[in-house]
Amino acid sequence: MYLDKDGEDREINISSAICFLRGKAYEALGNCAQARLWYKAAIIADPLCYEALECLIENRMLTCEQETSLLSSLEFGFEDGWLSSFYSCLIKK
């Protein structure tokens, strides 16, 4: 569990964490295609998994169109709507 901005407990999304760790492992092995697949799975499973998006962007694993498509497919909760705007600022223009 971790605390959100209001101090409430939130469960860590285990499937997202596992997908992210698989992405890190494939990245370390130099398999960018598999790393990209698992990072995308991690952020789709939990849009709050910022680290997965950060890896995709910093390692230039997605084209501009793919980044835009990924962000538009994410389903944010009502209180996390601001995160969509933040992510939009991070992607290529």
N, C-alpha and C. Protein backbone atom coordinates (compact mmCIF):
# COMPACT_ATOMS: atom_id res chain seq x y z
N MET A 1 0.83 -1.19 0.00
CA MET A 1 0.00 0.00 0.00
C MET A 1 0.87 1.24 0.00
N TYR A 2 0.31 2.32 -0.53
CA TYR A 2 0.98 3.60 -0.48
C TYR A 2 -0.06 4.67 -0.23
N LEU A 3 0.38 5.82 0.18
CA LEU A 3 -0.54 6.91 0.49
C LEU A 3 -0.70 7.81 -0.71
N ASP A 4 -1.94 8.18 -1.00
CA ASP A 4 -2.16 9.15 -2.07
C ASP A 4 -2.09 10.55 -1.48
N LYS A 5 -2.43 11.56 -2.27
CA LYS A 5 -2.26 12.94 -1.85
C LYS A 5 -3.11 13.32 -0.63
N ASP A 6 -4.19 12.59 -0.39
CA ASP A 6 -5.05 12.89 0.74
C ASP A 6 -4.74 12.02 1.95
N GLY A 7 -3.68 11.24 1.86
CA GLY A 7 -3.29 10.40 2.97
C GLY A 7 -4.09 9.11 3.07
N GLU A 8 -4.88 8.78 2.02
CA GLU A 8 -5.66 7.55 2.04
C GLU A 8 -4.82 6.40 1.50
N ASP A 9 -5.07 5.22 2.03
CA ASP A 9 -4.36 4.04 1.56
C ASP A 9 -4.89 3.62 0.20
N ARG A 10 -3.96 3.23 -0.68
CA ARG A 10 -4.32 2.68 -1.98
C ARG A 10 -3.51 1.42 -2.18
N GLU A 11 -4.12 0.45 -2.80
CA GLU A 11 -3.43 -0.79 -3.08
C GLU A 11 -2.53 -0.62 -4.30
N ILE A 12 -1.36 -1.21 -4.25
CA ILE A 12 -0.47 -1.23 -5.41
C ILE A 12 -1.02 -2.28 -6.36
N ASN A 13 -1.11 -1.94 -7.64
CA ASN A 13 -1.60 -2.86 -8.65
C ASN A 13 -0.49 -3.87 -8.94
N ILE A 14 -0.66 -5.08 -8.46
CA ILE A 14 0.37 -6.11 -8.57
C ILE A 14 0.64 -6.47 -10.02
N SER A 15 -0.40 -6.61 -10.83
CA SER A 15 -0.18 -6.99 -12.23
C SER A 15 0.60 -5.91 -12.96
N SER A 16 0.33 -4.66 -12.66
CA SER A 16 1.08 -3.57 -13.27
C SER A 16 2.54 -3.60 -12.84
N ALA A 17 2.76 -3.87 -11.56
CA ALA A 17 4.14 -3.93 -11.04
C ALA A 17 4.92 -5.07 -11.69
N ILE A 18 4.27 -6.21 -11.88
CA ILE A 18 4.94 -7.35 -12.51
C ILE A 18 5.26 -7.03 -13.97
N CYS A 19 4.31 -6.42 -14.67
CA CYS A 19 4.55 -6.04 -16.07
C CYS A 19 5.71 -5.05 -16.16
N PHE A 20 5.75 -4.10 -15.24
CA PHE A 20 6.83 -3.12 -15.24
C PHE A 20 8.18 -3.80 -15.01
N LEU A 21 8.24 -4.71 -14.05
CA LEU A 21 9.49 -5.40 -13.77
C LEU A 21 9.94 -6.28 -14.94
N ARG A 22 8.98 -6.88 -15.63
CA ARG A 22 9.34 -7.65 -16.83
C ARG A 22 9.92 -6.71 -17.89
N GLY A 23 9.32 -5.54 -18.03
CA GLY A 23 9.85 -4.56 -18.97
C GLY A 23 11.27 -4.16 -18.63
N LYS A 24 11.54 -3.94 -17.34
CA LYS A 24 12.89 -3.59 -16.91
C LYS A 24 13.87 -4.72 -17.21
N ALA A 25 13.44 -5.95 -16.99
CA ALA A 25 14.31 -7.11 -17.25
C ALA A 25 14.64 -7.21 -18.74
N TYR A 26 13.62 -7.08 -19.60
CA TYR A 26 13.86 -7.15 -21.04
C TYR A 26 14.72 -5.98 -21.51
N GLU A 27 14.52 -4.81 -20.92
CA GLU A 27 15.36 -3.66 -21.28
C GLU A 27 16.81 -3.93 -20.92
N ALA A 28 17.04 -4.51 -19.75
CA ALA A 28 18.40 -4.83 -19.31
C ALA A 28 19.05 -5.87 -20.22
N LEU A 29 18.23 -6.74 -20.80
CA LEU A 29 18.73 -7.75 -21.72
C LEU A 29 18.91 -7.22 -23.14
N GLY A 30 18.48 -5.99 -23.36
CA GLY A 30 18.61 -5.37 -24.67
C GLY A 30 17.49 -5.72 -25.63
N ASN A 31 16.42 -6.30 -25.14
CA ASN A 31 15.28 -6.67 -25.98
C ASN A 31 14.23 -5.56 -25.89
N CYS A 32 14.41 -4.54 -26.71
CA CYS A 32 13.54 -3.35 -26.64
C CYS A 32 12.10 -3.65 -27.03
N ALA A 33 11.90 -4.56 -27.98
CA ALA A 33 10.54 -4.88 -28.42
C ALA A 33 9.72 -5.48 -27.26
N GLN A 34 10.30 -6.42 -26.54
CA GLN A 34 9.61 -7.03 -25.41
C GLN A 34 9.47 -6.03 -24.25
N ALA A 35 10.49 -5.22 -24.03
CA ALA A 35 10.42 -4.20 -22.98
C ALA A 35 9.26 -3.25 -23.26
N ARG A 36 9.15 -2.80 -24.50
CA ARG A 36 8.06 -1.89 -24.89
C ARG A 36 6.71 -2.54 -24.63
N LEU A 37 6.56 -3.80 -25.00
CA LEU A 37 5.31 -4.52 -24.81
C LEU A 37 4.91 -4.55 -23.33
N TRP A 38 5.88 -4.87 -22.45
CA TRP A 38 5.57 -4.98 -21.03
C TRP A 38 5.36 -3.63 -20.37
N TYR A 39 6.10 -2.61 -20.79
CA TYR A 39 5.86 -1.26 -20.25
C TYR A 39 4.46 -0.78 -20.61
N LYS A 40 4.06 -1.02 -21.85
CA LYS A 40 2.71 -0.64 -22.26
C LYS A 40 1.67 -1.39 -21.45
N ALA A 41 1.89 -2.68 -21.23
CA ALA A 41 0.96 -3.47 -20.42
C ALA A 41 0.87 -2.93 -18.99
N ALA A 42 2.00 -2.48 -18.46
CA ALA A 42 2.02 -1.95 -17.09
C ALA A 42 1.18 -0.69 -16.96
N ILE A 43 1.34 0.22 -17.92
CA ILE A 43 0.60 1.48 -17.80
C ILE A 43 -0.87 1.32 -18.16
N ILE A 44 -1.18 0.35 -19.01
CA ILE A 44 -2.59 0.08 -19.30
C ILE A 44 -3.26 -0.55 -18.09
N ALA A 45 -2.55 -1.44 -17.41
CA ALA A 45 -3.10 -2.08 -16.21
C ALA A 45 -3.32 -1.07 -15.09
N ASP A 46 -2.43 -0.08 -15.00
CA ASP A 46 -2.55 0.94 -13.96
C ASP A 46 -1.99 2.26 -14.49
N PRO A 47 -2.86 3.19 -14.89
CA PRO A 47 -2.39 4.47 -15.41
C PRO A 47 -1.55 5.27 -14.41
N LEU A 48 -1.56 4.89 -13.14
CA LEU A 48 -0.75 5.58 -12.14
C LEU A 48 0.70 5.09 -12.15
N CYS A 49 1.02 4.10 -12.99
CA CYS A 49 2.38 3.56 -13.07
C CYS A 49 3.21 4.49 -13.96
N TYR A 50 3.58 5.61 -13.39
CA TYR A 50 4.34 6.64 -14.11
C TYR A 50 5.67 6.11 -14.62
N GLU A 51 6.29 5.23 -13.86
CA GLU A 51 7.61 4.73 -14.23
C GLU A 51 7.60 4.03 -15.58
N ALA A 52 6.52 3.33 -15.90
CA ALA A 52 6.42 2.65 -17.19
C ALA A 52 6.38 3.65 -18.33
N LEU A 53 5.58 4.69 -18.17
CA LEU A 53 5.52 5.72 -19.21
C LEU A 53 6.85 6.43 -19.34
N GLU A 54 7.48 6.70 -18.22
CA GLU A 54 8.78 7.35 -18.23
C GLU A 54 9.81 6.53 -19.02
N CYS A 55 9.82 5.22 -18.82
CA CYS A 55 10.75 4.36 -19.56
C CYS A 55 10.45 4.37 -21.04
N LEU A 56 9.18 4.33 -21.40
CA LEU A 56 8.80 4.37 -22.81
C LEU A 56 9.26 5.66 -23.48
N ILE A 57 9.09 6.77 -22.77
CA ILE A 57 9.43 8.07 -23.35
C ILE A 57 10.93 8.30 -23.37
N GLU A 58 11.60 8.06 -22.25
CA GLU A 58 13.04 8.32 -22.17
C GLU A 58 13.86 7.44 -23.11
N ASN A 59 13.40 6.23 -23.35
CA ASN A 59 14.12 5.32 -24.24
C ASN A 59 13.63 5.39 -25.68
N ARG A 60 12.74 6.32 -25.94
CA ARG A 60 12.20 6.54 -27.28
C ARG A 60 11.68 5.25 -27.90
N MET A 61 10.87 4.55 -27.15
CA MET A 61 10.35 3.26 -27.60
C MET A 61 9.09 3.39 -28.44
N LEU A 62 8.45 4.55 -28.40
CA LEU A 62 7.21 4.77 -29.14
C LEU A 62 7.34 5.94 -30.09
N THR A 63 6.60 5.87 -31.19
CA THR A 63 6.51 7.02 -32.09
C THR A 63 5.53 8.02 -31.47
N CYS A 64 5.47 9.18 -32.04
CA CYS A 64 4.55 10.22 -31.55
C CYS A 64 3.10 9.72 -31.61
N GLU A 65 2.75 9.06 -32.71
CA GLU A 65 1.39 8.55 -32.87
C GLU A 65 1.09 7.46 -31.84
N GLN A 66 2.06 6.60 -31.59
CA GLN A 66 1.87 5.54 -30.61
C GLN A 66 1.71 6.10 -29.20
N GLU A 67 2.48 7.14 -28.88
CA GLU A 67 2.36 7.77 -27.56
C GLU A 67 0.96 8.37 -27.39
N THR A 68 0.51 9.09 -28.42
CA THR A 68 -0.81 9.71 -28.37
C THR A 68 -1.90 8.66 -28.24
N SER A 69 -1.77 7.58 -29.00
CA SER A 69 -2.75 6.50 -28.95
C SER A 69 -2.77 5.84 -27.57
N LEU A 70 -1.60 5.61 -27.01
CA LEU A 70 -1.51 5.00 -25.68
C LEU A 70 -2.18 5.88 -24.63
N LEU A 71 -1.87 7.17 -24.66
CA LEU A 71 -2.46 8.07 -23.66
C LEU A 71 -3.97 8.15 -23.80
N SER A 72 -4.48 8.14 -25.03
CA SER A 72 -5.92 8.23 -25.21
C SER A 72 -6.63 6.94 -24.79
N SER A 73 -5.90 5.83 -24.72
CA SER A 73 -6.51 4.57 -24.31
C SER A 73 -6.54 4.37 -22.80
N LEU A 74 -5.82 5.20 -22.06
CA LEU A 74 -5.76 5.05 -20.60
C LEU A 74 -7.06 5.50 -19.96
N GLU A 75 -7.48 4.78 -18.95
CA GLU A 75 -8.70 5.11 -18.21
C GLU A 75 -8.33 5.60 -16.82
N PHE A 76 -8.42 6.91 -16.63
CA PHE A 76 -8.08 7.52 -15.35
C PHE A 76 -9.33 7.61 -14.47
N GLY A 77 -9.12 7.47 -13.17
CA GLY A 77 -10.21 7.68 -12.23
C GLY A 77 -10.55 9.16 -12.15
N PHE A 78 -11.68 9.46 -11.55
CA PHE A 78 -12.13 10.86 -11.46
C PHE A 78 -11.09 11.74 -10.78
N GLU A 79 -10.54 11.27 -9.66
CA GLU A 79 -9.58 12.08 -8.93
C GLU A 79 -8.20 12.10 -9.57
N ASP A 80 -7.98 11.27 -10.59
CA ASP A 80 -6.68 11.20 -11.25
C ASP A 80 -6.69 11.84 -12.63
N GLY A 81 -7.73 12.60 -12.94
CA GLY A 81 -7.84 13.23 -14.25
C GLY A 81 -6.70 14.18 -14.56
N TRP A 82 -6.14 14.80 -13.55
CA TRP A 82 -5.02 15.72 -13.75
C TRP A 82 -3.82 15.00 -14.34
N LEU A 83 -3.71 13.71 -14.06
CA LEU A 83 -2.58 12.93 -14.53
C LEU A 83 -2.57 12.83 -16.06
N SER A 84 -3.74 12.80 -16.65
CA SER A 84 -3.85 12.79 -18.11
C SER A 84 -3.21 14.03 -18.70
N SER A 85 -3.46 15.18 -18.12
CA SER A 85 -2.86 16.44 -18.59
C SER A 85 -1.35 16.42 -18.39
N PHE A 86 -0.91 15.89 -17.27
CA PHE A 86 0.52 15.80 -16.99
C PHE A 86 1.21 14.89 -18.00
N TYR A 87 0.63 13.74 -18.27
CA TYR A 87 1.20 12.81 -19.25
C TYR A 87 1.24 13.44 -20.64
N SER A 88 0.21 14.20 -20.97
CA SER A 88 0.18 14.86 -22.29
C SER A 88 1.34 15.84 -22.45
N CYS A 89 1.75 16.45 -21.37
CA CYS A 89 2.89 17.38 -21.41
C CYS A 89 4.20 16.64 -21.65
N LEU A 90 4.27 15.39 -21.29
CA LEU A 90 5.51 14.62 -21.40
C LEU A 90 5.76 14.07 -22.81
N ILE A 91 4.69 13.82 -23.55
CA ILE A 91 4.88 13.16 -24.84
C ILE A 91 5.36 14.13 -25.90
N LYS A 92 5.85 13.55 -27.01
CA LYS A 92 6.33 14.36 -28.13
C LYS A 92 5.20 15.18 -28.71
N LYS A 93 5.54 16.32 -29.20
CA LYS A 93 4.53 17.17 -29.84
C LYS A 93 4.62 17.08 -31.32
